Every structure is written in C-alpha cells, then in structure tokens.
C-alpha atoms as a PDB file:
ATOM      1  CA  MET A   1      21.864  28.613   1.558  1.00  0.00           C
ATOM      2  CA  SER A   2      21.916  28.761   5.318  1.00  0.00           C
ATOM      3  CA  ASN A   3      22.895  25.805   7.486  1.00  0.00           C
ATOM      4  CA  ASN A   4      20.901  27.141  10.433  1.00  0.00           C
ATOM      5  CA  ILE A   5      18.143  24.840  11.642  1.00  0.00           C
ATOM      6  CA  ALA A   6      15.089  26.556  13.061  1.00  0.00           C
ATOM      7  CA  PRO A   7      14.341  25.513  16.650  1.00  0.00           C
ATOM      8  CA  ARG A   8      11.182  23.504  17.184  1.00  0.00           C
ATOM      9  CA  GLU A   9       8.399  25.076  19.181  1.00  0.00           C
ATOM     10  CA  SER A  10       7.976  21.952  21.281  1.00  0.00           C
ATOM     11  CA  GLU A  11      10.060  18.872  21.746  1.00  0.00           C
ATOM     12  CA  THR A  12       8.071  15.681  22.188  1.00  0.00           C
ATOM     13  CA  THR A  13       9.830  12.772  23.808  1.00  0.00           C
ATOM     14  CA  LEU A  14       9.466   9.223  22.589  1.00  0.00           C
ATOM     15  CA  ALA A  15       7.635   8.317  25.798  1.00  0.00           C
ATOM     16  CA  GLU A  16       5.122  11.141  25.224  1.00  0.00           C
ATOM     17  CA  LEU A  17       4.608  10.052  21.630  1.00  0.00           C
ATOM     18  CA  ARG A  18       4.050   6.431  22.664  1.00  0.00           C
ATOM     19  CA  GLY A  19       1.573   7.580  25.304  1.00  0.00           C
ATOM     20  CA  ASP A  20      -0.325   9.634  22.720  1.00  0.00           C
ATOM     21  CA  CYS A  21      -0.485   6.619  20.407  1.00  0.00           C
ATOM     22  CA  ALA A  22      -1.678   4.341  23.212  1.00  0.00           C
ATOM     23  CA  ARG A  23      -4.474   6.778  24.045  1.00  0.00           C
ATOM     24  CA  MET A  24      -5.537   6.978  20.386  1.00  0.00           C
ATOM     25  CA  ALA A  25      -5.415   3.228  19.686  1.00  0.00           C
ATOM     26  CA  PRO A  26      -8.971   2.523  20.937  1.00  0.00           C
ATOM     27  CA  HIS A  27     -10.271   5.086  18.417  1.00  0.00           C
ATOM     28  CA  TRP A  28      -8.786   3.254  15.448  1.00  0.00           C
ATOM     29  CA  VAL A  29     -11.255   0.708  14.133  1.00  0.00           C
ATOM     30  CA  VAL A  30      -9.879  -2.153  12.062  1.00  0.00           C
ATOM     31  CA  PRO A  31     -12.425  -3.578   9.611  1.00  0.00           C
ATOM     32  CA  VAL A  32     -13.001  -7.320   9.596  1.00  0.00           C
ATOM     33  CA  ARG A  33     -11.197  -8.921   6.695  1.00  0.00           C
ATOM     34  CA  THR A  34     -13.176 -11.250   4.497  1.00  0.00           C
ATOM     35  CA  ALA A  35     -11.670 -13.590   1.960  1.00  0.00           C
ATOM     36  CA  PRO A  36     -12.575 -12.736  -1.637  1.00  0.00           C
ATOM     37  CA  THR A  37     -15.009 -15.111  -3.299  1.00  0.00           C
ATOM     38  CA  PRO A  38     -13.290 -17.142  -6.021  1.00  0.00           C
ATOM     39  CA  VAL A  39     -14.589 -16.652  -9.567  1.00  0.00           C
ATOM     40  CA  ALA A  40     -14.859 -19.582 -11.949  1.00  0.00           C
ATOM     41  CA  PRO A  41     -12.551 -19.159 -14.973  1.00  0.00           C
ATOM     42  CA  SER A  42     -15.547 -19.759 -17.271  1.00  0.00           C
ATOM     43  CA  LEU A  43     -17.083 -16.511 -15.974  1.00  0.00           C
ATOM     44  CA  ILE A  44     -14.023 -14.424 -16.862  1.00  0.00           C
ATOM     45  CA  HIS A  45     -14.356 -13.060 -20.371  1.00  0.00           C
ATOM     46  CA  GLY A  46     -13.854  -9.875 -22.293  1.00  0.00           C
ATOM     47  CA  VAL A  47     -10.362  -9.132 -20.998  1.00  0.00           C
ATOM     48  CA  ASN A  48      -8.494  -6.827 -23.371  1.00  0.00           C
ATOM     49  CA  VAL A  49      -4.729  -6.529 -23.207  1.00  0.00           C
ATOM     50  CA  PRO A  50      -3.107  -3.608 -25.035  1.00  0.00           C
ATOM     51  CA  PRO A  51      -0.628  -4.764 -27.707  1.00  0.00           C
ATOM     52  CA  ALA A  52       2.277  -2.954 -26.006  1.00  0.00           C
ATOM     53  CA  SER A  53       1.603  -4.800 -22.741  1.00  0.00           C
ATOM     54  CA  ALA A  54       1.330  -8.140 -24.520  1.00  0.00           C
ATOM     55  CA  ARG A  55       4.665  -7.527 -26.260  1.00  0.00           C
ATOM     56  CA  LEU A  56       6.287  -6.561 -22.950  1.00  0.00           C
ATOM     57  CA  ILE A  57       5.136  -9.775 -21.239  1.00  0.00           C
ATOM     58  CA  ASP A  58       6.005 -11.874 -24.300  1.00  0.00           C
ATOM     59  CA  ALA A  59       9.564 -10.453 -24.216  1.00  0.00           C
ATOM     60  CA  MET A  60      10.089 -11.552 -20.598  1.00  0.00           C
ATOM     61  CA  ALA A  61      11.888 -14.896 -20.514  1.00  0.00           C
ATOM     62  CA  GLU A  62       9.949 -16.368 -17.591  1.00  0.00           C
ATOM     63  CA  TYR A  63       6.572 -15.547 -19.175  1.00  0.00           C
ATOM     64  CA  GLY A  64       7.203 -15.891 -22.883  1.00  0.00           C
ATOM     65  CA  ASP A  65       7.914 -18.956 -25.030  1.00  0.00           C
END
C-alpha cells in the first residue's frame, strides 16, 4: 500500500468556502415549523408490541417492575 497522497486539482481556502456558503444561503428555504397536534389517549388504540420488545423493556430496571 502506497503512502503517497494524490494532489488535489484545486485548493479552496476557508474564506472561499465561507463566501460560497454565504452566496448559497438565500437559496436554502427553511420550512415553518408547526407544533404537532396532541392526540387524546382515548383515541390511541390498536398498538401491538412484539413479545421480544416487551421482554426487553420489562428487563430494563427503570422501566420494569
């Protein structure tokens, strides 16, 4: 295995990289975050937990007993 490192075709400085990012920032759209609507516990039904998962949680001290 060779220890030679191939030279890069172009070296970009940190200042150039930061400038590229600053120019691209207006193109990045951040979606508006909305809070999830709470669901009443009475509407939650039909949840199935595989036996292996139930045993795993039951074996954990802070969850079991």
